[in-house]
Protein backbone atom coordinates (compact mmCIF):
# COMPACT_ATOMS: atom_id res chain seq x y z
CA MET A 1 0.00 0.00 0.00
CA ALA A 2 1.32 3.44 -0.93
CA LYS A 3 2.17 6.00 1.71
CA THR A 4 0.06 9.18 1.59
CA ILE A 5 1.76 12.23 0.10
CA LYS A 6 0.09 15.65 0.34
CA LEU A 7 1.43 18.96 -0.94
CA ASN A 8 -0.31 22.07 0.38
CA ASN A 9 -3.10 19.79 1.67
CA VAL A 10 -3.76 18.36 -1.82
CA ASP A 11 -3.46 14.57 -2.01
CA PHE A 12 -1.02 13.60 -4.78
CA THR A 13 -0.50 10.00 -3.59
CA GLU A 14 -1.70 8.48 -6.88
CA MET A 15 0.94 10.41 -8.87
CA PHE A 16 3.91 8.96 -6.96
CA THR A 17 5.33 5.47 -7.15
CA LYS A 18 3.91 3.09 -4.57
CA HIS A 19 7.38 2.33 -3.29
CA GLY A 20 10.75 3.91 -3.65
CA TYR A 21 10.49 7.38 -2.16
CA SER A 22 13.38 8.17 0.14
CA VAL A 23 13.88 10.21 3.28
CA SER A 24 17.37 11.32 4.29
CA TYR A 25 18.53 13.58 7.09
CA THR A 26 20.99 16.45 7.20
CA SER A 27 22.68 17.77 10.30
CA VAL A 28 22.61 21.57 10.62
CA GLN A 29 25.76 22.71 12.43
CA GLY A 30 26.22 25.93 14.40
CA ASN A 31 29.44 27.91 14.66
CA GLN A 32 30.30 26.83 18.24
CA GLY A 33 31.68 23.42 17.27
CA GLY A 34 35.00 22.42 15.84
CA LEU A 35 38.47 21.36 16.94
CA MET A 36 39.30 22.15 20.57
CA LYS A 37 42.73 23.04 22.03
CA ASP A 38 43.09 19.57 23.53
CA GLY A 39 42.62 17.99 20.08
CA SER A 40 39.07 16.80 20.66
CA TYR A 41 36.22 17.70 18.34
CA MET A 42 32.99 19.24 19.57
CA GLU A 43 29.72 19.11 17.65
CA ASP A 44 27.31 22.03 17.66
CA GLU A 45 24.30 20.42 16.06
CA LEU A 46 21.40 22.86 15.92
CA ALA A 47 18.89 20.65 14.13
CA THR A 48 18.37 17.60 11.96
CA LYS A 49 16.39 18.31 8.80
CA ALA A 50 14.63 15.83 6.52
CA SER A 51 15.10 15.69 2.76
CA VAL A 52 12.40 13.80 0.85
CA SER A 53 12.81 12.55 -2.74
CA LEU A 54 9.54 11.59 -4.41
CA PRO A 55 9.67 9.70 -7.73
CA CYS A 56 6.54 10.02 -9.87
CA LEU A 57 4.74 7.62 -12.14
CA PRO A 58 4.57 8.61 -15.83
CA LEU A 59 2.33 11.69 -15.87
CA ASN A 60 0.30 13.21 -18.66
CA GLU A 61 0.54 16.95 -19.28
CA GLU A 62 -2.48 17.85 -17.12
CA GLN A 63 -1.17 15.81 -14.17
CA ILE A 64 2.38 17.17 -14.28
CA SER A 65 1.10 20.69 -14.72
CA SER A 66 -1.19 20.43 -11.67
CA LEU A 67 1.61 18.94 -9.56
CA LEU A 68 4.23 21.51 -10.55
CA SER A 69 1.80 24.42 -10.17
CA VAL A 70 1.35 23.48 -6.49
CA VAL A 71 5.10 22.98 -5.94
CA TYR A 72 6.07 26.26 -7.64
CA ALA A 73 3.24 28.42 -6.24
CA SER A 74 5.66 29.72 -3.58
CA PRO A 75 9.23 29.01 -2.45
CA TYR A 76 7.92 26.74 0.32
CA VAL A 77 5.39 23.94 0.26
CA GLN A 78 3.59 22.13 3.07
CA LEU A 79 4.50 18.43 2.85
CA TYR A 80 2.60 15.62 4.57
CA TYR A 81 4.53 12.36 4.40
CA TYR A 82 5.52 9.25 6.38
CA ASP A 83 8.81 9.77 8.22
CA PRO A 84 10.46 6.52 9.39
CA ARG A 85 12.57 8.42 11.95
CA PHE A 86 9.41 9.39 13.84
CA GLY A 87 7.46 6.26 13.00
CA GLY A 88 4.49 8.16 11.62
CA TYR A 89 3.20 10.88 9.38
CA ARG A 90 4.57 14.42 9.65
CA ASP A 91 3.50 17.80 8.36
CA ILE A 92 6.51 20.01 7.52
CA ILE A 93 7.25 23.18 5.63
CA ALA A 94 9.74 22.29 2.92
CA ARG A 95 11.76 24.15 0.32
CA ARG A 96 11.62 22.79 -3.17
CA ASN A 97 15.13 21.69 -3.91
CA LYS A 98 14.84 20.07 -7.28
CA ALA A 99 12.18 18.94 -9.73
CA GLU A 100 13.38 17.21 -12.85
CA GLN A 101 11.40 15.49 -15.56
CA LYS A 102 11.88 14.30 -19.10
CA HIS A 103 9.48 14.14 -22.00
CA LYS A 104 8.73 10.58 -23.02
CA GLY A 105 6.41 11.27 -25.91
CA PHE A 106 3.06 9.73 -26.70
CA GLY A 107 1.51 6.78 -24.88
CA ALA A 108 -0.72 4.06 -26.30
CA ASP A 109 -3.73 6.26 -25.52
CA GLY A 110 -2.38 9.06 -27.75
CA ARG A 111 -1.65 11.39 -24.82
CA GLU A 112 1.75 12.93 -24.16
CA TYR A 113 3.57 11.65 -21.05
CA TRP A 114 6.46 12.80 -18.91
CA THR A 115 8.63 10.24 -17.13
CA GLY A 116 11.43 10.27 -14.61
CA THR A 117 9.89 13.09 -12.60
CA VAL A 118 11.46 13.30 -9.15
CA LEU A 119 10.61 15.99 -6.60
CA THR A 120 13.17 16.66 -3.89
CA LEU A 121 12.00 18.72 -0.92
CA GLN A 122 14.18 19.91 1.98
CA GLU A 123 12.69 20.62 5.40
CA ARG A 124 12.88 24.31 6.30
């Protein structure tokens, strides 16, 4: 069963692959850490931020347009997703990091499709 994915409270679950999205984490460091006089190293971790990569199914022009219009409506998007670190769903404000897609051409139904679309969103 696919995990629910919402962008700005709009459910886009059916546009993403049922498996294969990834969540990674980045450590945000402050300026108080570093190498100490005694040779030890001190961390100054301020936060841990999630980065979510969401691969899409092949999308027709209407689908990809509706998805990208929500993502590019503002610099930040509200993302609702399953986060394995917390063991449940989270609602975060995320910055769109990357959205790439390639034109596949026409499908058997005569409609144009885009494939390889991957959205990468970084927690604010």
